[in-house]
Each structure stands twice: as structure tokens, then as C-alpha cells.
N, C-alpha and C. Protein backbone atom coordinates (compact mmCIF):
# COMPACT_ATOMS: atom_id res chain seq x y z
N MET A 1 299.37 124.73 157.66
CA MET A 1 298.39 124.37 157.40
C MET A 1 297.93 123.41 156.04
N SER A 2 297.26 122.74 155.63
CA SER A 2 296.95 122.21 154.99
C SER A 2 296.07 122.85 153.31
N ARG A 3 296.28 122.72 152.17
CA ARG A 3 295.51 123.45 151.15
C ARG A 3 295.00 123.50 151.52
N HIS A 4 294.21 122.14 151.89
CA HIS A 4 293.09 121.29 151.03
C HIS A 4 291.96 122.11 151.90
N GLN A 5 291.59 122.18 153.28
CA GLN A 5 290.99 122.61 154.17
C GLN A 5 291.49 123.12 155.05
N ASN A 6 290.44 125.04 155.72
CA ASN A 6 291.07 125.40 156.52
C ASN A 6 289.69 125.28 157.59
N LEU A 7 289.58 124.63 158.23
CA LEU A 7 289.04 124.66 159.71
C LEU A 7 288.71 126.28 160.60
N ALA A 8 289.26 126.94 160.49
CA ALA A 8 288.94 127.96 160.60
C ALA A 8 287.85 128.86 159.83
N LEU A 9 287.68 128.18 158.71
CA LEU A 9 286.24 128.80 157.93
C LEU A 9 285.21 128.03 158.06
N PHE A 10 285.12 126.72 158.63
CA PHE A 10 283.59 126.19 159.13
C PHE A 10 283.03 126.73 159.74
N THR A 11 281.66 126.74 159.06
CA THR A 11 280.42 127.19 159.48
C THR A 11 279.37 126.32 159.26
N LEU A 12 278.70 126.14 160.86
CA LEU A 12 277.12 124.76 160.43
C LEU A 12 276.20 125.97 160.16
N PRO A 13 275.39 125.28 158.48
CA PRO A 13 273.98 126.46 158.29
C PRO A 13 272.76 126.50 159.12
N PRO A 14 273.00 127.75 159.25
CA PRO A 14 271.44 128.17 159.80
C PRO A 14 270.28 127.16 159.84
N GLY A 15 269.87 126.55 161.06
CA GLY A 15 268.98 125.45 161.53
C GLY A 15 269.61 124.44 160.51
N PHE A 16 270.79 123.89 160.81
CA PHE A 16 271.00 122.50 160.16
C PHE A 16 270.57 121.57 160.74
N ARG A 17 270.74 121.76 162.64
CA ARG A 17 270.13 120.68 163.33
C ARG A 17 268.95 120.27 163.49
N GLY A 18 267.89 121.42 163.50
CA GLY A 18 266.20 121.33 163.32
C GLY A 18 265.81 121.19 164.10
N ARG A 19 266.75 121.50 165.15
CA ARG A 19 266.08 122.44 166.79
C ARG A 19 267.05 123.02 167.28
N SER A 20 267.16 124.03 168.57
CA SER A 20 268.14 124.78 169.29
C SER A 20 269.04 123.71 169.91
N ALA A 21 269.89 124.67 169.81
CA ALA A 21 271.35 124.33 170.80
C ALA A 21 270.70 123.45 171.64
N ILE A 22 269.93 124.26 172.88
CA ILE A 22 269.51 123.48 174.41
C ILE A 22 268.60 122.12 173.79
N VAL A 23 267.97 122.30 172.95
CA VAL A 23 267.13 120.72 172.49
C VAL A 23 267.86 119.68 172.27
N VAL A 24 269.47 119.88 171.58
CA VAL A 24 269.76 118.78 170.98
C VAL A 24 271.25 118.63 172.23
N GLN A 25 271.14 119.45 172.85
CA GLN A 25 272.36 119.49 174.32
C GLN A 25 271.02 118.22 175.49
N LEU A 26 269.75 118.67 175.22
CA LEU A 26 269.30 117.85 176.34
C LEU A 26 268.98 116.35 176.06
N TRP A 27 268.40 116.64 174.71
CA TRP A 27 268.57 115.24 173.91
C TRP A 27 269.46 113.87 174.32
N TRP A 28 270.78 114.65 173.98
CA TRP A 28 272.27 114.45 174.45
C TRP A 28 272.36 113.34 175.38
N ILE A 29 271.46 114.52 176.35
CA ILE A 29 272.10 114.15 178.27
C ILE A 29 270.83 112.86 178.67
N VAL A 30 269.35 112.82 177.96
CA VAL A 30 268.74 111.98 177.99
C VAL A 30 269.32 110.67 177.14
N GLN A 31 269.69 110.83 176.41
CA GLN A 31 269.95 109.38 174.98
C GLN A 31 271.24 108.69 176.02
N SER A 32 272.39 109.55 177.08
CA SER A 32 273.16 109.11 177.36
C SER A 32 272.79 108.71 178.78
N VAL A 33 271.98 109.31 179.47
CA VAL A 33 271.47 108.77 180.94
C VAL A 33 270.43 107.58 180.83
N PHE A 34 269.20 108.39 179.94
CA PHE A 34 268.36 107.31 180.41
C PHE A 34 267.80 106.64 179.30
N PHE A 35 268.40 106.58 177.73
CA PHE A 35 268.04 105.72 176.88
C PHE A 35 268.88 104.62 177.05
N HIS A 36 270.57 104.85 177.11
CA HIS A 36 271.75 104.07 176.99
C HIS A 36 271.60 102.98 178.51
N ALA A 37 271.07 103.46 179.53
CA ALA A 37 271.30 102.99 180.75
C ALA A 37 269.97 102.04 181.00
N SER A 38 268.92 102.69 180.76
CA SER A 38 267.71 101.64 180.56
C SER A 38 267.66 100.02 179.92
N PRO A 39 267.34 99.11 180.67
CA PRO A 39 267.35 97.74 180.72
C PRO A 39 267.03 97.43 179.19
N GLN A 40 267.06 96.14 178.82
CA GLN A 40 267.59 95.89 177.29
C GLN A 40 266.15 95.50 176.96
N VAL A 41 264.97 94.81 177.90
CA VAL A 41 264.02 94.52 177.87
C VAL A 41 262.67 96.00 177.74
N ALA A 42 262.91 96.93 178.12
CA ALA A 42 262.58 98.34 178.34
C ALA A 42 262.51 98.94 176.89
N TYR A 43 261.93 98.30 175.85
CA TYR A 43 261.25 98.82 174.94
C TYR A 43 260.37 99.81 174.12
N GLY A 44 259.46 99.84 175.23
CA GLY A 44 259.15 100.66 175.18
C GLY A 44 258.97 102.01 175.45
N TRP A 45 259.68 102.29 177.01
CA TRP A 45 260.48 103.09 177.19
C TRP A 45 261.13 103.93 176.66
N ARG A 46 261.96 103.40 175.80
CA ARG A 46 263.07 104.01 174.97
C ARG A 46 262.17 104.76 173.47
N ARG A 47 260.80 103.87 173.05
CA ARG A 47 260.29 104.16 172.34
C ARG A 47 259.44 105.67 172.63
N MET A 48 259.43 105.59 173.53
CA MET A 48 258.44 107.24 174.65
C MET A 48 259.49 108.75 174.43
N LEU A 49 260.70 108.04 174.80
CA LEU A 49 261.89 108.83 174.88
C LEU A 49 262.09 109.53 173.11
N LEU A 50 262.11 108.67 172.36
CA LEU A 50 262.19 108.76 171.13
C LEU A 50 260.84 109.97 170.22
N ARG A 51 259.94 109.42 171.23
CA ARG A 51 259.01 110.39 170.68
C ARG A 51 259.08 111.93 170.95
N LEU A 52 259.21 111.55 172.50
CA LEU A 52 259.12 112.68 173.21
C LEU A 52 260.10 113.55 172.50
N PHE A 53 261.16 113.55 172.04
CA PHE A 53 261.70 114.40 170.89
C PHE A 53 261.87 114.50 169.21
N GLY A 54 259.95 113.94 168.91
CA GLY A 54 259.89 114.42 167.97
C GLY A 54 259.96 112.99 166.68
N ALA A 55 260.99 112.22 167.20
CA ALA A 55 260.46 111.27 166.64
C ALA A 55 259.57 110.59 165.56
N GLN A 56 259.09 109.52 164.98
CA GLN A 56 258.35 108.82 164.09
C GLN A 56 258.10 107.72 164.63
N ILE A 57 257.65 107.02 165.63
CA ILE A 57 258.02 105.71 165.66
C ILE A 57 257.05 104.50 165.90
N GLY A 58 256.34 103.32 165.24
CA GLY A 58 255.61 102.74 164.74
C GLY A 58 255.62 101.92 166.10
N LYS A 59 254.48 100.95 165.93
CA LYS A 59 254.44 100.08 167.35
C LYS A 59 254.85 99.20 166.47
N GLY A 60 254.87 98.21 167.83
CA GLY A 60 256.31 97.26 168.39
C GLY A 60 257.23 97.71 167.82
N VAL A 61 257.97 98.56 167.76
CA VAL A 61 259.92 98.94 167.11
C VAL A 61 260.74 97.95 168.37
N ILE A 62 261.46 97.76 168.26
CA ILE A 62 262.46 97.40 168.93
C ILE A 62 263.88 97.59 168.47
N LEU A 63 264.69 98.53 169.77
CA LEU A 63 265.40 99.57 169.55
C LEU A 63 266.55 98.92 170.90
N ARG A 64 267.70 98.51 170.28
CA ARG A 64 268.60 97.96 171.67
C ARG A 64 269.19 99.50 172.23
N PRO A 65 268.98 99.34 173.36
CA PRO A 65 269.89 100.45 174.07
C PRO A 65 270.90 101.20 173.76
N SER A 66 272.02 100.29 173.09
CA SER A 66 273.42 100.67 172.63
C SER A 66 272.88 101.71 171.78
N VAL A 67 271.80 101.74 170.74
CA VAL A 67 271.57 102.26 169.64
C VAL A 67 271.66 103.76 169.94
N ARG A 68 272.39 104.70 168.96
CA ARG A 68 272.88 105.99 168.85
C ARG A 68 272.47 106.65 167.95
N ILE A 69 271.58 107.76 168.09
CA ILE A 69 270.70 108.46 167.16
C ILE A 69 271.03 109.79 167.12
N THR A 70 271.90 110.66 166.22
CA THR A 70 272.10 111.59 166.19
C THR A 70 270.63 112.96 166.65
N TYR A 71 269.74 113.14 165.51
CA TYR A 71 269.09 113.85 165.94
C TYR A 71 267.38 113.26 165.77
N PRO A 72 266.94 112.94 166.89
CA PRO A 72 265.64 112.00 166.68
C PRO A 72 264.36 112.53 165.76
N TRP A 73 264.35 114.16 165.94
CA TRP A 73 263.23 114.53 165.24
C TRP A 73 263.71 114.72 164.03
N LYS A 74 264.34 113.85 163.18
CA LYS A 74 264.82 113.72 161.56
C LYS A 74 264.72 111.58 161.42
N VAL A 75 264.16 111.39 162.52
CA VAL A 75 263.82 109.86 162.17
C VAL A 75 262.70 109.68 162.03
N ARG A 76 262.64 108.67 161.80
CA ARG A 76 261.11 107.61 161.08
C ARG A 76 260.76 106.22 161.03
N ILE A 77 260.96 105.25 161.88
CA ILE A 77 260.37 103.79 161.82
C ILE A 77 258.92 103.38 162.06
N GLY A 78 258.80 102.43 160.88
CA GLY A 78 257.66 101.91 160.70
C GLY A 78 257.25 100.95 161.53
N ASP A 79 255.96 100.14 161.78
CA ASP A 79 256.14 98.84 162.47
C ASP A 79 256.69 98.01 162.84
N HIS A 80 256.97 97.13 163.57
CA HIS A 80 257.85 96.13 164.05
C HIS A 80 259.15 95.47 163.43
N SER A 81 259.64 96.77 163.25
CA SER A 81 261.19 97.06 162.59
C SER A 81 262.25 96.94 164.12
N GLN A 82 263.37 96.62 163.54
CA GLN A 82 264.50 95.85 164.73
C GLN A 82 265.62 96.64 164.54
N ILE A 83 265.93 97.72 165.35
CA ILE A 83 267.48 98.33 165.12
C ILE A 83 268.17 98.07 166.82
N GLY A 84 269.52 96.97 165.94
CA GLY A 84 270.55 96.32 166.77
C GLY A 84 271.25 97.10 167.62
N ASP A 85 272.25 96.00 168.43
CA ASP A 85 273.22 96.83 169.06
C ASP A 85 274.00 97.48 168.73
N ARG A 86 274.38 98.90 169.24
CA ARG A 86 275.38 99.78 168.64
C ARG A 86 275.43 100.52 167.04
N VAL A 87 273.89 99.93 166.36
CA VAL A 87 273.21 101.08 165.38
C VAL A 87 273.58 101.89 165.25
N GLU A 88 274.51 103.37 164.49
CA GLU A 88 274.55 104.42 164.28
C GLU A 88 273.06 104.96 163.75
N LEU A 89 272.44 105.68 163.71
CA LEU A 89 271.42 106.60 163.35
C LEU A 89 272.31 108.26 162.92
N TYR A 90 273.13 108.34 161.97
CA TYR A 90 273.56 109.44 162.47
C TYR A 90 272.33 110.47 161.11
N SER A 91 271.59 110.73 161.75
CA SER A 91 270.33 111.66 160.78
C SER A 91 270.86 112.84 160.50
N LEU A 92 272.11 113.48 160.22
CA LEU A 92 272.14 114.72 159.86
C LEU A 92 270.55 114.86 158.82
N GLY A 93 270.85 114.39 158.25
CA GLY A 93 269.38 114.27 157.44
C GLY A 93 268.67 113.24 157.84
N GLU A 94 267.65 113.31 157.28
CA GLU A 94 266.06 112.20 157.39
C GLU A 94 266.28 110.98 157.19
N ILE A 95 266.15 110.05 157.74
CA ILE A 95 265.94 108.75 158.02
C ILE A 95 264.87 107.95 158.58
N GLU A 96 264.19 107.18 157.12
CA GLU A 96 262.90 106.80 157.36
C GLU A 96 263.52 105.33 156.66
N ILE A 97 262.86 104.38 157.40
CA ILE A 97 263.05 103.39 157.90
C ILE A 97 261.37 102.44 158.37
N GLY A 98 260.98 101.59 157.10
CA GLY A 98 259.72 101.18 156.54
C GLY A 98 259.50 100.13 157.97
N SER A 99 258.02 99.44 157.98
CA SER A 99 257.90 98.09 158.66
C SER A 99 258.76 96.98 158.43
N HIS A 100 258.66 96.12 159.60
CA HIS A 100 259.20 94.78 159.63
C HIS A 100 260.44 94.92 158.76
N SER A 101 261.69 95.68 159.25
CA SER A 101 262.63 96.16 158.63
C SER A 101 263.63 95.53 159.62
N VAL A 102 265.10 94.81 159.67
CA VAL A 102 265.70 95.05 160.31
C VAL A 102 267.08 95.43 160.18
N VAL A 103 267.47 96.60 161.02
CA VAL A 103 269.56 97.11 161.09
C VAL A 103 269.87 95.92 161.93
N SER A 104 270.55 95.63 161.78
CA SER A 104 271.42 94.50 162.23
C SER A 104 272.66 95.21 162.87
N GLN A 105 273.03 94.46 164.36
CA GLN A 105 274.35 95.17 164.91
C GLN A 105 275.39 95.36 163.92
N ASP A 106 276.37 97.43 164.53
CA ASP A 106 277.53 97.56 164.26
C ASP A 106 276.91 98.11 162.63
N CYS A 107 275.80 98.47 162.48
CA CYS A 107 275.75 99.02 160.96
C CYS A 107 275.56 100.70 161.53
N TYR A 108 275.51 101.31 160.41
CA TYR A 108 275.72 102.56 160.23
C TYR A 108 275.15 103.14 159.41
N ILE A 109 273.98 103.93 159.41
CA ILE A 109 273.51 105.33 158.88
C ILE A 109 273.93 106.29 158.35
N CYS A 110 274.11 106.61 157.16
CA CYS A 110 274.55 108.05 157.34
C CYS A 110 273.85 109.44 156.75
N THR A 111 273.30 110.17 156.58
CA THR A 111 273.17 110.74 156.30
C THR A 111 273.99 111.86 155.92
N GLY A 112 274.88 112.61 155.97
CA GLY A 112 275.53 113.79 155.77
C GLY A 112 277.01 113.57 155.81
N GLY A 113 278.02 114.49 155.16
CA GLY A 113 279.39 114.76 155.17
C GLY A 113 279.77 115.62 155.13
N HIS A 114 281.07 116.12 154.33
CA HIS A 114 281.46 117.28 153.83
C HIS A 114 281.82 117.20 152.53
N ASP A 115 282.57 118.14 152.24
CA ASP A 115 282.74 118.94 150.29
C ASP A 115 284.37 118.83 151.05
N PRO A 116 285.02 117.55 150.72
CA PRO A 116 286.37 117.58 150.38
C PRO A 116 287.27 118.58 149.53
N ALA A 117 286.60 119.60 148.18
CA ALA A 117 287.38 120.32 147.33
C ALA A 117 286.80 121.67 147.62
N ARG A 118 285.98 121.93 149.13
CA ARG A 118 285.80 123.27 149.19
C ARG A 118 287.25 123.61 150.80
N SER A 119 287.51 124.83 150.67
CA SER A 119 288.24 124.86 152.00
C SER A 119 287.72 125.16 152.90
N ASP A 120 286.02 125.58 153.39
CA ASP A 120 285.98 126.07 154.54
C ASP A 120 285.15 124.20 154.74
N PHE A 121 285.75 123.12 154.22
CA PHE A 121 284.69 121.58 154.56
C PHE A 121 283.04 121.95 154.88
N ALA A 122 282.54 122.43 153.94
CA ALA A 122 281.36 122.34 153.66
C ALA A 122 280.53 121.39 154.31
N ILE A 123 279.40 121.03 155.58
CA ILE A 123 278.80 120.07 155.48
C ILE A 123 277.68 119.74 154.64
N TYR A 124 276.78 118.64 154.40
CA TYR A 124 275.75 118.87 153.69
C TYR A 124 275.23 117.45 153.94
N GLU A 125 273.73 117.66 153.86
CA GLU A 125 272.88 116.62 154.45
C GLU A 125 272.29 116.07 153.01
N SER A 126 272.00 114.32 153.14
CA SER A 126 271.10 114.25 152.08
C SER A 126 270.16 112.98 152.99
N PRO A 127 269.24 112.43 153.00
CA PRO A 127 268.18 111.58 153.02
C PRO A 127 268.72 109.66 152.80
N VAL A 128 268.37 109.61 153.67
CA VAL A 128 268.32 107.77 153.34
C VAL A 128 266.95 107.21 153.56
N SER A 129 266.84 106.70 152.70
CA SER A 129 265.63 105.97 153.08
C SER A 129 265.63 104.20 153.42
N ILE A 130 264.68 103.54 153.99
CA ILE A 130 265.05 102.02 153.56
C ILE A 130 264.03 101.41 154.30
N GLY A 131 263.75 100.68 152.92
CA GLY A 131 261.98 100.32 153.00
C GLY A 131 261.55 99.15 153.52
N ASP A 132 260.91 98.63 153.25
CA ASP A 132 259.78 97.85 153.81
C ASP A 132 260.80 95.91 154.20
N GLY A 133 260.37 95.51 154.80
CA GLY A 133 260.83 94.31 155.01
C GLY A 133 262.36 94.16 154.65
N VAL A 134 263.35 94.69 155.17
CA VAL A 134 264.67 95.28 154.19
C VAL A 134 265.67 94.49 156.13
N TRP A 135 266.73 93.44 155.00
CA TRP A 135 267.40 93.25 156.77
C TRP A 135 268.97 93.66 156.04
N LEU A 136 269.62 95.02 156.62
CA LEU A 136 270.65 94.98 156.69
C LEU A 136 271.87 94.69 157.91
N ALA A 137 272.10 92.91 157.10
CA ALA A 137 273.05 92.49 157.98
C ALA A 137 274.05 93.01 158.86
N ALA A 138 275.04 92.59 159.66
CA ALA A 138 275.63 93.46 161.09
C ALA A 138 276.71 94.10 159.88
N GLY A 139 277.26 95.05 160.77
CA GLY A 139 277.98 95.71 159.99
C GLY A 139 277.72 96.55 158.72
N CYS A 140 276.94 96.93 158.01
CA CYS A 140 276.53 97.41 157.06
C CYS A 140 276.54 99.15 157.24
N PHE A 141 277.09 99.32 156.28
CA PHE A 141 277.14 101.05 155.95
C PHE A 141 276.43 101.60 154.65
N VAL A 142 275.14 102.65 155.07
CA VAL A 142 274.48 103.05 154.01
C VAL A 142 275.06 104.46 153.65
N MET A 143 275.02 104.55 152.44
CA MET A 143 275.62 106.18 152.62
C MET A 143 274.70 107.01 152.03
N PRO A 144 275.00 108.26 152.45
CA PRO A 144 273.99 109.44 152.55
C PRO A 144 273.27 109.30 150.90
N GLY A 145 271.94 109.76 150.60
CA GLY A 145 271.51 109.68 149.63
C GLY A 145 270.63 108.41 149.53
N VAL A 146 270.77 107.06 150.01
CA VAL A 146 270.58 105.91 149.71
C VAL A 146 269.47 105.47 149.84
N HIS A 147 269.04 104.81 148.77
CA HIS A 147 267.21 104.61 149.21
C HIS A 147 267.64 102.36 149.09
N VAL A 148 267.30 102.35 149.72
CA VAL A 148 266.93 101.08 150.06
C VAL A 148 265.42 100.44 149.82
N ARG A 149 265.42 99.36 149.07
CA ARG A 149 264.52 99.72 148.47
C ARG A 149 263.65 98.16 149.34
N ASN A 150 262.52 98.02 149.22
CA ASN A 150 261.73 97.14 149.68
C ASN A 150 262.09 95.58 149.47
N GLY A 151 261.99 95.16 150.32
CA GLY A 151 263.06 93.35 150.92
C GLY A 151 264.49 93.46 150.35
N THR A 152 265.03 93.94 150.60
CA THR A 152 266.62 94.01 150.02
C THR A 152 267.16 93.44 151.11
N PHE A 153 268.26 92.47 150.89
CA PHE A 153 269.05 92.16 151.89
C PHE A 153 270.22 92.17 151.62
N ALA A 154 271.25 93.05 152.49
CA ALA A 154 272.58 93.30 152.15
C ALA A 154 273.21 92.28 153.08
N LYS A 155 274.17 91.86 153.16
CA LYS A 155 274.68 90.63 153.60
C LYS A 155 275.75 91.30 154.50
N VAL A 156 276.67 90.61 155.28
CA VAL A 156 277.09 91.08 156.64
C VAL A 156 278.26 92.14 155.56
N ARG A 157 278.97 93.30 156.36
CA ARG A 157 279.57 94.12 156.07
C ARG A 157 279.59 95.05 154.48
N SER A 158 278.34 95.13 154.30
CA SER A 158 278.04 95.40 152.81
C SER A 158 277.93 97.23 152.90
N LEU A 159 279.01 97.82 151.80
CA LEU A 159 278.75 99.06 151.95
C LEU A 159 277.79 99.52 150.68
N LEU A 160 276.84 99.98 151.17
CA LEU A 160 275.98 100.41 149.95
C LEU A 160 275.93 101.98 149.32
N VAL A 161 276.42 102.08 148.77
CA VAL A 161 277.03 103.49 148.11
C VAL A 161 275.42 104.07 147.41
N LYS A 162 274.63 103.29 146.51
CA LYS A 162 273.58 103.35 145.28
C LYS A 162 272.77 103.22 145.89
N ASP A 163 271.27 103.12 144.83
CA ASP A 163 269.70 102.48 145.63
C ASP A 163 269.84 101.29 145.25
N THR A 164 269.24 100.86 145.72
CA THR A 164 269.36 99.10 145.30
C THR A 164 267.85 98.56 144.87
N GLU A 165 267.57 97.43 144.39
CA GLU A 165 266.76 96.67 143.40
C GLU A 165 265.72 96.39 144.51
N GLU A 166 264.43 96.11 144.04
CA GLU A 166 263.70 95.59 145.21
C GLU A 166 263.68 94.19 145.23
N SER A 167 263.92 93.38 146.59
CA SER A 167 264.30 92.19 146.80
C SER A 167 265.58 91.83 146.59
N GLY A 168 266.55 93.08 145.84
CA GLY A 168 267.48 91.99 145.60
C GLY A 168 268.60 91.59 146.75
N ILE A 169 269.45 90.97 146.72
CA ILE A 169 270.29 90.69 147.56
C ILE A 169 271.94 91.30 146.97
N TYR A 170 272.44 92.18 148.25
CA TYR A 170 273.94 92.66 147.86
C TYR A 170 275.07 92.30 148.21
N ALA A 171 275.89 92.50 148.20
CA ALA A 171 277.28 91.76 149.06
C ALA A 171 278.54 92.58 148.67
N GLY A 172 279.63 93.14 149.83
CA GLY A 172 280.72 93.52 149.32
C GLY A 172 281.12 94.87 149.55
N SER A 173 282.31 95.64 148.83
CA SER A 173 282.07 96.61 149.25
C SER A 173 283.27 97.80 148.28
N PRO A 174 282.55 97.61 147.28
CA PRO A 174 280.95 98.29 147.56
C PRO A 174 280.06 96.86 146.60
N ALA A 175 279.04 97.54 147.92
CA ALA A 175 277.84 96.80 147.50
C ALA A 175 277.56 96.25 146.18
N ARG A 176 277.19 95.14 145.39
CA ARG A 176 276.96 94.96 144.84
C ARG A 176 275.80 93.63 144.15
N TRP A 177 275.24 93.51 143.53
CA TRP A 177 273.78 92.70 143.34
C TRP A 177 274.17 91.45 143.30
N VAL A 178 273.58 90.45 144.03
CA VAL A 178 274.30 88.88 144.00
C VAL A 178 272.98 88.47 143.48
N GLY A 179 271.92 88.75 143.75
CA GLY A 179 271.04 87.78 143.59
C GLY A 179 269.78 87.93 143.81
N ASN A 180 268.87 87.37 143.65
CA ASN A 180 266.82 87.83 144.12
C ASN A 180 266.95 87.38 145.03
N ARG A 181 266.16 87.96 146.18
CA ARG A 181 265.75 87.45 147.69
C ARG A 181 264.78 86.31 147.49
N ALA A 182 263.66 86.74 146.97
CA ALA A 182 262.52 85.89 146.15
C ALA A 182 262.82 84.26 145.79
N GLU A 183 264.10 84.40 145.58
CA GLU A 183 264.40 83.09 144.99
C GLU A 183 265.26 82.01 145.48
N LEU A 184 266.19 82.45 147.19
CA LEU A 184 266.81 81.84 148.29
C LEU A 184 265.81 80.99 148.42
N ALA A 185 265.89 79.22 148.69
CA ALA A 185 266.02 78.42 149.25
C ALA A 185 265.56 78.76 150.61
N PRO A 186 264.71 78.02 151.48
CA PRO A 186 264.44 78.36 153.19
C PRO A 186 265.36 76.98 153.86
N LEU A 187 265.85 78.07 154.53
CA LEU A 187 266.73 76.68 155.39
C LEU A 187 266.08 76.11 155.98
N GLU A 188 266.65 74.52 156.58
CA GLU A 188 266.18 73.98 157.19
C GLU A 188 266.79 74.33 158.73
N ILE A 189 265.32 73.94 160.01
CA ILE A 189 265.46 74.72 161.37
C ILE A 189 265.04 73.91 161.78
N SER A 190 265.45 73.15 162.89
CA SER A 190 264.94 72.53 164.06
C SER A 190 263.40 72.63 164.81
N PRO A 191 262.63 72.53 165.28
CA PRO A 191 262.18 72.89 166.51
C PRO A 191 262.94 73.61 167.36
N GLU A 192 263.93 72.91 167.53
CA GLU A 192 265.05 73.36 169.04
C GLU A 192 266.06 74.75 168.24
N GLY A 193 265.65 75.51 167.12
CA GLY A 193 266.24 76.57 166.27
C GLY A 193 267.41 76.11 165.76
N ARG A 194 267.65 74.63 165.78
CA ARG A 194 269.12 74.68 164.86
C ARG A 194 268.86 74.57 163.29
N ARG A 195 270.18 74.79 162.95
CA ARG A 195 270.42 75.35 161.61
C ARG A 195 270.40 73.17 161.05
N LEU A 196 269.90 72.95 160.39
CA LEU A 196 269.76 71.33 160.01
C LEU A 196 271.25 71.75 158.65
N ASP A 197 270.70 72.28 157.69
CA ASP A 197 271.18 72.31 156.46
C ASP A 197 272.54 72.99 156.90
N ARG A 198 274.01 71.99 155.68
CA ARG A 198 274.90 72.70 155.87
C ARG A 198 275.92 73.08 153.97
N ASP A 199 274.64 73.29 153.13
CA ASP A 199 275.08 74.25 152.21
C ASP A 199 275.73 75.47 152.49
């Protein structure tokens, strides 16, 4: 047996999930049967299911059917935000997403972990907040306790390990500040939606 952790000692703190085991299991069934299996266009249906389980979901929010949410009662999403395919909202702690923000496909928002220094592998939660007008591009990972401030743009596969600056552009693993979003030049896009510039 490893001297570093003894999983026989692991226990979940009382009330850690925020609801009873019955409610947790019911949500997981509803998520598998009614949320994931719903048609792509059934955004209102998925918003309703989340609200029934205590999530605070604003108007016009788009959630793809492949989104996974651990505990919806710990999730708040503002108006007109979009949550893409296969996004994981690992809501051991609270997740707050502002208005007009995009969490693109395959992003992972993590609010919990374990203490590697303790033999009982103690679990902890630490909330994540994502501000207004944020864009997390495909495959970003947000660590527990991080505050992604208004207007942040995190490029593809960025690993956000600390708080961002407002309107900052971030890239890399770990993500580093690489520019200011307010200084970006708009792309040239045709009426048919084709990108024209090749810079």
C-alpha cells in the first residue's frame, strides 16, 4: 500500500454535496435520460431541468445536450451565455458564469480536488467565478478558486491557474497574459461568414 495515501481513511465531509444522496442520484438519472438525450434545439427544456434542481439560469442561455454538471444547485449562469459541447461543470463548489460569456467545447471548470499531503486524501471545494463577456476557447481548463474577470479571452487549451486581468488575453499551460482584448483588430468577414484576412 502507498505510504502517501490510504483511501480506506477517505470520508466525504457532511453536507459536502449540498443535497441528499437521493436528490444527487435523481439528478444524475435526469441528466442521463432527459438532459443528454434531448434534441440539440431544446435549450428551454434543459434550462427548465436545471432550474428544477436549483440552478440559477438566466434568460437566453444556450447549453448543449452533452454538457455535464455535477451539482446544478451550485451553478449560476447569467443571461445569454453559451455552454458548448462536452463542457464539464465540476461543481463540487460554486460556479458562477456571468452574462454574454462563452465556454466553448471540451472546457473543464473544476472547483474541487484532494490534498496530496494528507493520508486520508481529504477532499476540498473552492468556487470559480467567470465574469461577463468572457470567452474560454475550446479545451480550456480552469483550476479551483480562479476568478476569470470580465472580458477575458483564453485561447485554445489554456490552463488557467490564477486570476485573470479584465479584458486580458491568455494562452498556454499554465496560461500567461499575452495581450489586451480591447486592442484586437476586428477580422474581415464576408456577408457569407467567410474570413477574408489571412494574417
